[in-house]
Amino acid sequence: MQPLEITVQAAGTEAELCSNIRSALARGLQEMTLAPTKHDGNMVLVASGWSMPDFVEEIRAHRKAGRPIVAIKAAHDFLCENGIEPDLWVNLDPRDRTSGIQRLNDHTVYMPASRCPPSTFDYLKGRRVLLWHSWAPGPEMEAIGPGKLAIGGGTTSGLRAINIGYCLGYRNFTLYGYDSCNRADGLKRFTGEYTGPSIDIWVGGATGKKFNCNMAMAQQANEFQKLFEVMGDIRVDVKGPGLIAEIMRSRAEQARAA
């Protein structure tokens, strides 16, 4: 799949993001550090793509196997409603996304990036919160200040979650809800959100499989492929019929043909 030339306007102005970062730092929260953790090397990441609810029993099986379940934004409440309180919740978004974490619990460790709005931290007061910083060029790094770990790797919470897992020592990732495309009827997320303007993308050239995406989805698919350029030992299993799963199938076919 050839990279697309896409320009995406990220949420939040530079001034807003820097203000959010300084506000988060002033709270004195414990920050995520690079420390070894006891695990079998497998992390399960659950995002909000439309296919995710079809795999709830698989996710439950991962929980029984003792693997950490990481909820991305609104996937949190779905998992809680199905009796699977996530181990971690990850959010990069500078917009208020607390509507997706109405079922707060004592099991989940909540991991908002410092660029998230103060309303997120106010809402999580009294919960187990682990602060992390997202890498971005320019003023955001100045707001974070020297001596802080900043995690890069893509413009979405889902992609940054993979990088967080990698930094924590995980190398095997199972992804649910990482569709990065619209369903045939235009459904964007399992929460009932439908997409706006969109484009068609083919995996495998003009004769390959077609997917309909908004610009942010297409950008995420581009950025996902870059993971393998910097994480040579990563292994990713993407569940579902979406664009990113098809990219992985195409990569596997190319590897077998090489």
C-alpha atoms as a PDB file:
ATOM      1  CA  MET A   1       0.000   0.000   0.000  1.00  0.00           C
ATOM      2  CA  GLN A   2       1.494   3.317  -1.069  1.00  0.00           C
ATOM      3  CA  PRO A   3       1.505   6.112   1.544  1.00  0.00           C
ATOM      4  CA  LEU A   4      -1.129   8.762   0.885  1.00  0.00           C
ATOM      5  CA  GLU A   5      -0.394  12.468   0.767  1.00  0.00           C
ATOM      6  CA  ILE A   6      -2.749  13.635   3.507  1.00  0.00           C
ATOM      7  CA  THR A   7      -2.933  16.822   5.528  1.00  0.00           C
ATOM      8  CA  VAL A   8      -4.817  16.466   8.801  1.00  0.00           C
ATOM      9  CA  GLN A   9      -5.677  19.279  11.209  1.00  0.00           C
ATOM     10  CA  ALA A  10      -5.058  17.882  14.678  1.00  0.00           C
ATOM     11  CA  ALA A  11      -7.419  18.798  17.500  1.00  0.00           C
ATOM     12  CA  GLY A  12      -6.364  21.675  19.762  1.00  0.00           C
ATOM     13  CA  THR A  13      -4.314  24.812  19.191  1.00  0.00           C
ATOM     14  CA  GLU A  14      -0.680  25.040  20.298  1.00  0.00           C
ATOM     15  CA  ALA A  15      -1.622  27.459  23.066  1.00  0.00           C
ATOM     16  CA  GLU A  16      -4.438  25.207  24.284  1.00  0.00           C
ATOM     17  CA  LEU A  17      -2.255  22.085  24.292  1.00  0.00           C
ATOM     18  CA  CYS A  18       0.587  23.794  26.143  1.00  0.00           C
ATOM     19  CA  SER A  19      -1.874  25.114  28.728  1.00  0.00           C
ATOM     20  CA  ASN A  20      -3.269  21.602  29.191  1.00  0.00           C
ATOM     21  CA  ILE A  21       0.242  20.166  29.648  1.00  0.00           C
ATOM     22  CA  ARG A  22       1.226  22.760  32.248  1.00  0.00           C
ATOM     23  CA  SER A  23      -2.046  22.205  34.107  1.00  0.00           C
ATOM     24  CA  ALA A  24      -1.484  18.427  34.167  1.00  0.00           C
ATOM     25  CA  LEU A  25       2.096  18.785  35.399  1.00  0.00           C
ATOM     26  CA  ALA A  26       0.982  21.120  38.197  1.00  0.00           C
ATOM     27  CA  ARG A  27      -1.213  18.344  39.620  1.00  0.00           C
ATOM     28  CA  GLY A  28       1.813  16.371  40.814  1.00  0.00           C
ATOM     29  CA  LEU A  29       0.520  13.077  39.424  1.00  0.00           C
ATOM     30  CA  GLN A  30       2.671   9.974  39.227  1.00  0.00           C
ATOM     31  CA  GLU A  31       4.127   9.699  35.742  1.00  0.00           C
ATOM     32  CA  MET A  32       4.619   6.639  33.583  1.00  0.00           C
ATOM     33  CA  THR A  33       8.217   5.449  33.637  1.00  0.00           C
ATOM     34  CA  LEU A  34      10.154   2.786  31.812  1.00  0.00           C
ATOM     35  CA  ALA A  35      10.017  -0.053  34.306  1.00  0.00           C
ATOM     36  CA  PRO A  36       9.891  -3.827  33.798  1.00  0.00           C
ATOM     37  CA  THR A  37       6.480  -5.367  34.485  1.00  0.00           C
ATOM     38  CA  LYS A  38       5.493  -8.969  35.024  1.00  0.00           C
ATOM     39  CA  HIS A  39       3.683 -10.259  31.930  1.00  0.00           C
ATOM     40  CA  ASP A  40       3.905 -12.827  29.149  1.00  0.00           C
ATOM     41  CA  GLY A  41       4.730 -10.225  26.499  1.00  0.00           C
ATOM     42  CA  ASN A  42       1.145  -9.935  25.224  1.00  0.00           C
ATOM     43  CA  MET A  43      -1.033  -6.832  25.412  1.00  0.00           C
ATOM     44  CA  VAL A  44      -4.648  -6.588  24.242  1.00  0.00           C
ATOM     45  CA  LEU A  45      -5.727  -3.178  22.912  1.00  0.00           C
ATOM     46  CA  VAL A  46      -9.424  -2.427  22.475  1.00  0.00           C
ATOM     47  CA  ALA A  47     -10.464   0.597  20.407  1.00  0.00           C
ATOM     48  CA  SER A  48     -13.864   1.896  19.334  1.00  0.00           C
ATOM     49  CA  GLY A  49     -14.078   0.704  15.741  1.00  0.00           C
ATOM     50  CA  TRP A  50     -17.418  -0.675  14.604  1.00  0.00           C
ATOM     51  CA  SER A  51     -16.267  -4.326  14.530  1.00  0.00           C
ATOM     52  CA  MET A  52     -15.078  -4.439  18.146  1.00  0.00           C
ATOM     53  CA  PRO A  53     -18.313  -5.668  19.845  1.00  0.00           C
ATOM     54  CA  ASP A  54     -18.201  -8.819  17.688  1.00  0.00           C
ATOM     55  CA  PHE A  55     -15.127  -9.957  19.613  1.00  0.00           C
ATOM     56  CA  VAL A  56     -16.195  -9.451  23.211  1.00  0.00           C
ATOM     57  CA  GLU A  57     -15.868 -13.148  24.055  1.00  0.00           C
ATOM     58  CA  GLU A  58     -12.340 -13.255  22.623  1.00  0.00           C
ATOM     59  CA  ILE A  59     -11.442 -10.243  24.751  1.00  0.00           C
ATOM     60  CA  ARG A  60     -12.944 -11.977  27.777  1.00  0.00           C
ATOM     61  CA  ALA A  61     -10.770 -15.028  27.046  1.00  0.00           C
ATOM     62  CA  HIS A  62      -7.677 -12.829  27.056  1.00  0.00           C
ATOM     63  CA  ARG A  63      -8.690 -11.554  30.479  1.00  0.00           C
ATOM     64  CA  LYS A  64      -9.006 -15.127  31.762  1.00  0.00           C
ATOM     65  CA  ALA A  65      -5.531 -15.831  30.364  1.00  0.00           C
ATOM     66  CA  GLY A  66      -4.164 -12.995  32.492  1.00  0.00           C
ATOM     67  CA  ARG A  67      -3.283 -10.620  29.670  1.00  0.00           C
ATOM     68  CA  PRO A  68      -3.665  -6.882  30.255  1.00  0.00           C
ATOM     69  CA  ILE A  69      -6.696  -5.300  28.575  1.00  0.00           C
ATOM     70  CA  VAL A  70      -6.200  -1.710  27.448  1.00  0.00           C
ATOM     71  CA  ALA A  71      -9.267   0.388  26.596  1.00  0.00           C
ATOM     72  CA  ILE A  72      -8.884   3.247  24.142  1.00  0.00           C
ATOM     73  CA  LYS A  73     -11.257   6.111  24.982  1.00  0.00           C
ATOM     74  CA  ALA A  74     -14.943   5.068  24.688  1.00  0.00           C
ATOM     75  CA  ALA A  75     -14.153   1.341  24.602  1.00  0.00           C
ATOM     76  CA  HIS A  76     -13.839   1.640  28.397  1.00  0.00           C
ATOM     77  CA  ASP A  77     -17.561   1.747  29.134  1.00  0.00           C
ATOM     78  CA  PHE A  78     -18.398  -1.022  26.670  1.00  0.00           C
ATOM     79  CA  LEU A  79     -15.908  -3.338  28.342  1.00  0.00           C
ATOM     80  CA  CYS A  80     -17.184  -2.454  31.820  1.00  0.00           C
ATOM     81  CA  GLU A  81     -20.780  -3.070  30.728  1.00  0.00           C
ATOM     82  CA  ASN A  82     -19.700  -6.523  29.604  1.00  0.00           C
ATOM     83  CA  GLY A  83     -17.954  -7.377  32.860  1.00  0.00           C
ATOM     84  CA  ILE A  84     -14.409  -6.686  31.644  1.00  0.00           C
ATOM     85  CA  GLU A  85     -12.978  -3.786  33.590  1.00  0.00           C
ATOM     86  CA  PRO A  86      -9.887  -2.767  31.601  1.00  0.00           C
ATOM     87  CA  ASP A  87      -6.488  -2.770  33.228  1.00  0.00           C
ATOM     88  CA  LEU A  88      -5.523   0.493  31.538  1.00  0.00           C
ATOM     89  CA  TRP A  89      -7.352   3.338  29.830  1.00  0.00           C
ATOM     90  CA  VAL A  90      -5.398   5.453  27.330  1.00  0.00           C
ATOM     91  CA  ASN A  91      -6.364   8.814  25.905  1.00  0.00           C
ATOM     92  CA  LEU A  92      -4.367  11.306  23.810  1.00  0.00           C
ATOM     93  CA  ASP A  93      -7.230  13.591  22.772  1.00  0.00           C
ATOM     94  CA  PRO A  94      -7.172  17.246  23.911  1.00  0.00           C
ATOM     95  CA  ARG A  95     -10.975  17.283  23.716  1.00  0.00           C
ATOM     96  CA  ASP A  96     -13.159  16.197  26.625  1.00  0.00           C
ATOM     97  CA  ARG A  97     -13.778  12.451  26.187  1.00  0.00           C
ATOM     98  CA  THR A  98     -15.130  11.711  29.659  1.00  0.00           C
ATOM     99  CA  SER A  99     -18.467  10.641  28.172  1.00  0.00           C
ATOM    100  CA  GLY A 100     -16.759   7.338  27.345  1.00  0.00           C
ATOM    101  CA  ILE A 101     -15.600   6.683  30.927  1.00  0.00           C
ATOM    102  CA  GLN A 102     -18.821   7.031  32.872  1.00  0.00           C
ATOM    103  CA  ARG A 103     -18.252   3.640  34.509  1.00  0.00           C
ATOM    104  CA  LEU A 104     -15.203   4.562  36.545  1.00  0.00           C
ATOM    105  CA  ASN A 105     -13.856   1.743  38.688  1.00  0.00           C
ATOM    106  CA  ASP A 106     -11.087   0.937  41.136  1.00  0.00           C
ATOM    107  CA  HIS A 107      -9.443  -1.703  38.930  1.00  0.00           C
ATOM    108  CA  THR A 108      -8.557   0.442  35.918  1.00  0.00           C
ATOM    109  CA  VAL A 109      -5.459   2.622  35.850  1.00  0.00           C
ATOM    110  CA  TYR A 110      -6.389   5.753  33.910  1.00  0.00           C
ATOM    111  CA  MET A 111      -3.672   7.087  31.618  1.00  0.00           C
ATOM    112  CA  PRO A 112      -4.512  10.462  30.078  1.00  0.00           C
ATOM    113  CA  ALA A 113      -1.744  12.287  28.250  1.00  0.00           C
ATOM    114  CA  SER A 114      -0.714  15.613  29.708  1.00  0.00           C
ATOM    115  CA  ARG A 115      -2.191  17.313  26.618  1.00  0.00           C
ATOM    116  CA  CYS A 116      -5.692  16.163  27.660  1.00  0.00           C
ATOM    117  CA  PRO A 117      -7.949  18.942  29.009  1.00  0.00           C
ATOM    118  CA  PRO A 118      -8.125  19.811  32.718  1.00  0.00           C
ATOM    119  CA  SER A 119     -11.734  18.573  32.772  1.00  0.00           C
ATOM    120  CA  THR A 120     -10.431  15.027  32.227  1.00  0.00           C
ATOM    121  CA  PHE A 121      -8.151  15.201  35.264  1.00  0.00           C
ATOM    122  CA  ASP A 122     -10.848  16.835  37.377  1.00  0.00           C
ATOM    123  CA  TYR A 123     -13.226  14.020  36.481  1.00  0.00           C
ATOM    124  CA  LEU A 124     -10.621  11.366  37.376  1.00  0.00           C
ATOM    125  CA  LYS A 125      -9.808  12.874  40.776  1.00  0.00           C
ATOM    126  CA  GLY A 126      -9.549  10.123  43.370  1.00  0.00           C
ATOM    127  CA  ARG A 127      -8.950   7.403  40.761  1.00  0.00           C
ATOM    128  CA  ARG A 128      -5.721   5.628  39.910  1.00  0.00           C
ATOM    129  CA  VAL A 129      -4.143   8.004  37.394  1.00  0.00           C
ATOM    130  CA  LEU A 130      -0.800   7.565  35.635  1.00  0.00           C
ATOM    131  CA  LEU A 131       0.312  10.574  33.633  1.00  0.00           C
ATOM    132  CA  TRP A 132       2.265  10.311  30.387  1.00  0.00           C
ATOM    133  CA  HIS A 133       3.508  12.809  27.832  1.00  0.00           C
ATOM    134  CA  SER A 134       3.053  12.617  24.083  1.00  0.00           C
ATOM    135  CA  TRP A 135       5.889  13.700  21.853  1.00  0.00           C
ATOM    136  CA  ALA A 136       5.145  16.496  19.387  1.00  0.00           C
ATOM    137  CA  PRO A 137       7.499  18.941  17.695  1.00  0.00           C
ATOM    138  CA  GLY A 138       7.622  22.517  18.928  1.00  0.00           C
ATOM    139  CA  PRO A 139       5.853  24.234  21.815  1.00  0.00           C
ATOM    140  CA  GLU A 140       4.369  21.111  23.388  1.00  0.00           C
ATOM    141  CA  MET A 141       7.849  19.794  24.199  1.00  0.00           C
ATOM    142  CA  GLU A 142       8.756  23.161  25.703  1.00  0.00           C
ATOM    143  CA  ALA A 143       5.660  22.933  27.913  1.00  0.00           C
ATOM    144  CA  ILE A 144       6.613  19.391  29.027  1.00  0.00           C
ATOM    145  CA  GLY A 145      10.077  20.581  29.933  1.00  0.00           C
ATOM    146  CA  PRO A 146      13.426  18.787  30.105  1.00  0.00           C
ATOM    147  CA  GLY A 147      13.986  15.414  31.681  1.00  0.00           C
ATOM    148  CA  LYS A 148      10.570  13.999  30.819  1.00  0.00           C
ATOM    149  CA  LEU A 149       9.854  10.889  28.776  1.00  0.00           C
ATOM    150  CA  ALA A 150       7.680  11.770  25.769  1.00  0.00           C
ATOM    151  CA  ILE A 151       6.150   8.971  23.710  1.00  0.00           C
ATOM    152  CA  GLY A 152       5.682   9.428  19.979  1.00  0.00           C
ATOM    153  CA  GLY A 153       4.128   7.256  17.334  1.00  0.00           C
ATOM    154  CA  GLY A 154       1.050   8.470  15.489  1.00  0.00           C
ATOM    155  CA  THR A 155      -1.768  10.979  15.751  1.00  0.00           C
ATOM    156  CA  THR A 156      -4.357   8.748  17.450  1.00  0.00           C
ATOM    157  CA  SER A 157      -4.811   7.397  20.964  1.00  0.00           C
ATOM    158  CA  GLY A 158      -4.858   3.873  19.540  1.00  0.00           C
ATOM    159  CA  LEU A 159      -1.445   4.191  17.921  1.00  0.00           C
ATOM    160  CA  ARG A 160       0.121   5.875  20.939  1.00  0.00           C
ATOM    161  CA  ALA A 161      -1.207   3.026  23.093  1.00  0.00           C
ATOM    162  CA  ILE A 162       0.871   0.590  21.039  1.00  0.00           C
ATOM    163  CA  ASN A 163       3.950   2.726  21.640  1.00  0.00           C
ATOM    164  CA  ILE A 164       3.200   2.884  25.366  1.00  0.00           C
ATOM    165  CA  GLY A 165       2.968  -0.911  25.458  1.00  0.00           C
ATOM    166  CA  TYR A 166       6.223  -1.239  23.565  1.00  0.00           C
ATOM    167  CA  CYS A 167       7.989   1.101  25.991  1.00  0.00           C
ATOM    168  CA  LEU A 168       6.688  -1.016  28.871  1.00  0.00           C
ATOM    169  CA  GLY A 169       8.253  -4.127  27.363  1.00  0.00           C
ATOM    170  CA  TYR A 170       5.412  -5.694  25.389  1.00  0.00           C
ATOM    171  CA  ARG A 171       6.175  -7.030  21.935  1.00  0.00           C
ATOM    172  CA  ASN A 172       2.996  -8.948  21.033  1.00  0.00           C
ATOM    173  CA  PHE A 173      -0.179  -6.960  20.495  1.00  0.00           C
ATOM    174  CA  THR A 174      -3.720  -8.076  19.715  1.00  0.00           C
ATOM    175  CA  LEU A 175      -5.878  -5.246  18.379  1.00  0.00           C
ATOM    176  CA  TYR A 176      -9.671  -5.030  18.444  1.00  0.00           C
ATOM    177  CA  GLY A 177     -11.676  -2.163  16.991  1.00  0.00           C
ATOM    178  CA  TYR A 178      -8.738  -0.826  14.970  1.00  0.00           C
ATOM    179  CA  ASP A 179     -10.827  -0.818  11.787  1.00  0.00           C
ATOM    180  CA  SER A 180      -9.624   2.580  10.507  1.00  0.00           C
ATOM    181  CA  CYS A 181     -12.456   2.564   7.968  1.00  0.00           C
ATOM    182  CA  ASN A 182     -16.212   2.990   7.784  1.00  0.00           C
ATOM    183  CA  ARG A 183     -18.654   0.121   7.722  1.00  0.00           C
ATOM    184  CA  ALA A 184     -20.627  -0.250   4.478  1.00  0.00           C
ATOM    185  CA  ASP A 185     -23.471   1.855   5.898  1.00  0.00           C
ATOM    186  CA  GLY A 186     -21.071   4.631   6.988  1.00  0.00           C
ATOM    187  CA  LEU A 187     -20.829   3.642  10.662  1.00  0.00           C
ATOM    188  CA  LYS A 188     -17.548   4.948  12.090  1.00  0.00           C
ATOM    189  CA  ARG A 189     -17.589   3.723  15.689  1.00  0.00           C
ATOM    190  CA  PHE A 190     -19.596   1.102  17.551  1.00  0.00           C
ATOM    191  CA  THR A 191     -21.041   3.943  19.654  1.00  0.00           C
ATOM    192  CA  GLY A 192     -23.289   4.898  16.732  1.00  0.00           C
ATOM    193  CA  GLU A 193     -21.182   7.684  15.236  1.00  0.00           C
ATOM    194  CA  TYR A 194     -21.313   7.986  11.462  1.00  0.00           C
ATOM    195  CA  THR A 195     -18.588   9.551   9.358  1.00  0.00           C
ATOM    196  CA  GLY A 196     -18.596  12.794   7.406  1.00  0.00           C
ATOM    197  CA  PRO A 197     -16.574  13.436   4.223  1.00  0.00           C
ATOM    198  CA  SER A 198     -14.666  10.353   3.152  1.00  0.00           C
ATOM    199  CA  ILE A 199     -12.401   8.874   0.510  1.00  0.00           C
ATOM    200  CA  ASP A 200     -11.922   5.397  -0.973  1.00  0.00           C
ATOM    201  CA  ILE A 201      -8.675   3.512  -0.430  1.00  0.00           C
ATOM    202  CA  TRP A 202      -7.539   0.278  -2.081  1.00  0.00           C
ATOM    203  CA  VAL A 203      -5.188  -2.212  -0.478  1.00  0.00           C
ATOM    204  CA  GLY A 204      -3.286  -4.069  -3.179  1.00  0.00           C
ATOM    205  CA  GLY A 205      -3.722  -1.539  -5.966  1.00  0.00           C
ATOM    206  CA  ALA A 206      -6.741  -0.736  -8.121  1.00  0.00           C
ATOM    207  CA  THR A 207      -7.704  -4.414  -8.278  1.00  0.00           C
ATOM    208  CA  GLY A 208      -7.394  -4.889  -4.524  1.00  0.00           C
ATOM    209  CA  LYS A 209      -9.893  -4.510  -1.700  1.00  0.00           C
ATOM    210  CA  LYS A 210     -11.602  -1.133  -1.305  1.00  0.00           C
ATOM    211  CA  PHE A 211     -12.227   0.672   2.002  1.00  0.00           C
ATOM    212  CA  ASN A 212     -14.052   3.909   2.716  1.00  0.00           C
ATOM    213  CA  CYS A 213     -12.316   6.196   5.231  1.00  0.00           C
ATOM    214  CA  ASN A 214     -12.342   9.709   6.538  1.00  0.00           C
ATOM    215  CA  MET A 215      -9.032  11.556   6.430  1.00  0.00           C
ATOM    216  CA  ALA A 216      -8.081  10.760  10.031  1.00  0.00           C
ATOM    217  CA  MET A 217      -8.649   7.030   9.414  1.00  0.00           C
ATOM    218  CA  ALA A 218      -6.475   7.111   6.300  1.00  0.00           C
ATOM    219  CA  GLN A 219      -3.767   8.949   8.212  1.00  0.00           C
ATOM    220  CA  GLN A 220      -3.906   6.360  10.998  1.00  0.00           C
ATOM    221  CA  ALA A 221      -3.492   3.543   8.460  1.00  0.00           C
ATOM    222  CA  ASN A 222      -0.426   5.285   7.049  1.00  0.00           C
ATOM    223  CA  GLU A 223       1.079   5.799  10.471  1.00  0.00           C
ATOM    224  CA  PHE A 224       0.336   2.233  11.551  1.00  0.00           C
ATOM    225  CA  GLN A 225       2.665   0.908   8.854  1.00  0.00           C
ATOM    226  CA  LYS A 226       5.525   3.011  10.197  1.00  0.00           C
ATOM    227  CA  LEU A 227       5.486   1.023  13.439  1.00  0.00           C
ATOM    228  CA  PHE A 228       7.353  -1.783  11.724  1.00  0.00           C
ATOM    229  CA  GLU A 229      10.120   0.564  10.593  1.00  0.00           C
ATOM    230  CA  VAL A 230      11.101   1.447  14.171  1.00  0.00           C
ATOM    231  CA  MET A 231       9.938  -1.657  16.084  1.00  0.00           C
ATOM    232  CA  GLY A 232      11.589  -4.511  14.262  1.00  0.00           C
ATOM    233  CA  ASP A 233      10.597  -7.115  16.856  1.00  0.00           C
ATOM    234  CA  ILE A 234       6.924  -6.169  17.188  1.00  0.00           C
ATOM    235  CA  ARG A 235       4.192  -8.702  16.367  1.00  0.00           C
ATOM    236  CA  VAL A 236       0.651  -7.495  15.746  1.00  0.00           C
ATOM    237  CA  ASP A 237      -2.561  -9.494  15.322  1.00  0.00           C
ATOM    238  CA  VAL A 238      -5.390  -7.255  14.080  1.00  0.00           C
ATOM    239  CA  LYS A 239      -8.904  -8.647  14.452  1.00  0.00           C
ATOM    240  CA  GLY A 240     -11.837  -7.767  12.232  1.00  0.00           C
ATOM    241  CA  PRO A 241     -12.536  -6.969   8.572  1.00  0.00           C
ATOM    242  CA  GLY A 242     -11.182  -3.415   8.576  1.00  0.00           C
ATOM    243  CA  LEU A 243      -8.486  -1.545   6.692  1.00  0.00           C
ATOM    244  CA  ILE A 244      -5.636  -2.156   9.145  1.00  0.00           C
ATOM    245  CA  ALA A 245      -6.418  -5.883   9.303  1.00  0.00           C
ATOM    246  CA  GLU A 246      -6.301  -5.997   5.497  1.00  0.00           C
ATOM    247  CA  ILE A 247      -2.966  -4.171   5.492  1.00  0.00           C
ATOM    248  CA  MET A 248      -1.597  -6.863   7.805  1.00  0.00           C
ATOM    249  CA  ARG A 249      -2.938  -9.629   5.550  1.00  0.00           C
ATOM    250  CA  SER A 250      -1.332  -7.933   2.547  1.00  0.00           C
ATOM    251  CA  ARG A 251       1.981  -7.624   4.400  1.00  0.00           C
ATOM    252  CA  ALA A 252       1.870 -11.324   5.265  1.00  0.00           C
ATOM    253  CA  GLU A 253       1.213 -12.263   1.621  1.00  0.00           C
ATOM    254  CA  GLN A 254       4.106 -10.084   0.448  1.00  0.00           C
ATOM    255  CA  ALA A 255       6.408 -11.693   3.025  1.00  0.00           C
ATOM    256  CA  ARG A 256       5.461 -15.192   1.869  1.00  0.00           C
ATOM    257  CA  ALA A 257       6.056 -14.235  -1.770  1.00  0.00           C
ATOM    258  CA  ALA A 258       9.465 -12.692  -1.052  1.00  0.00           C
END
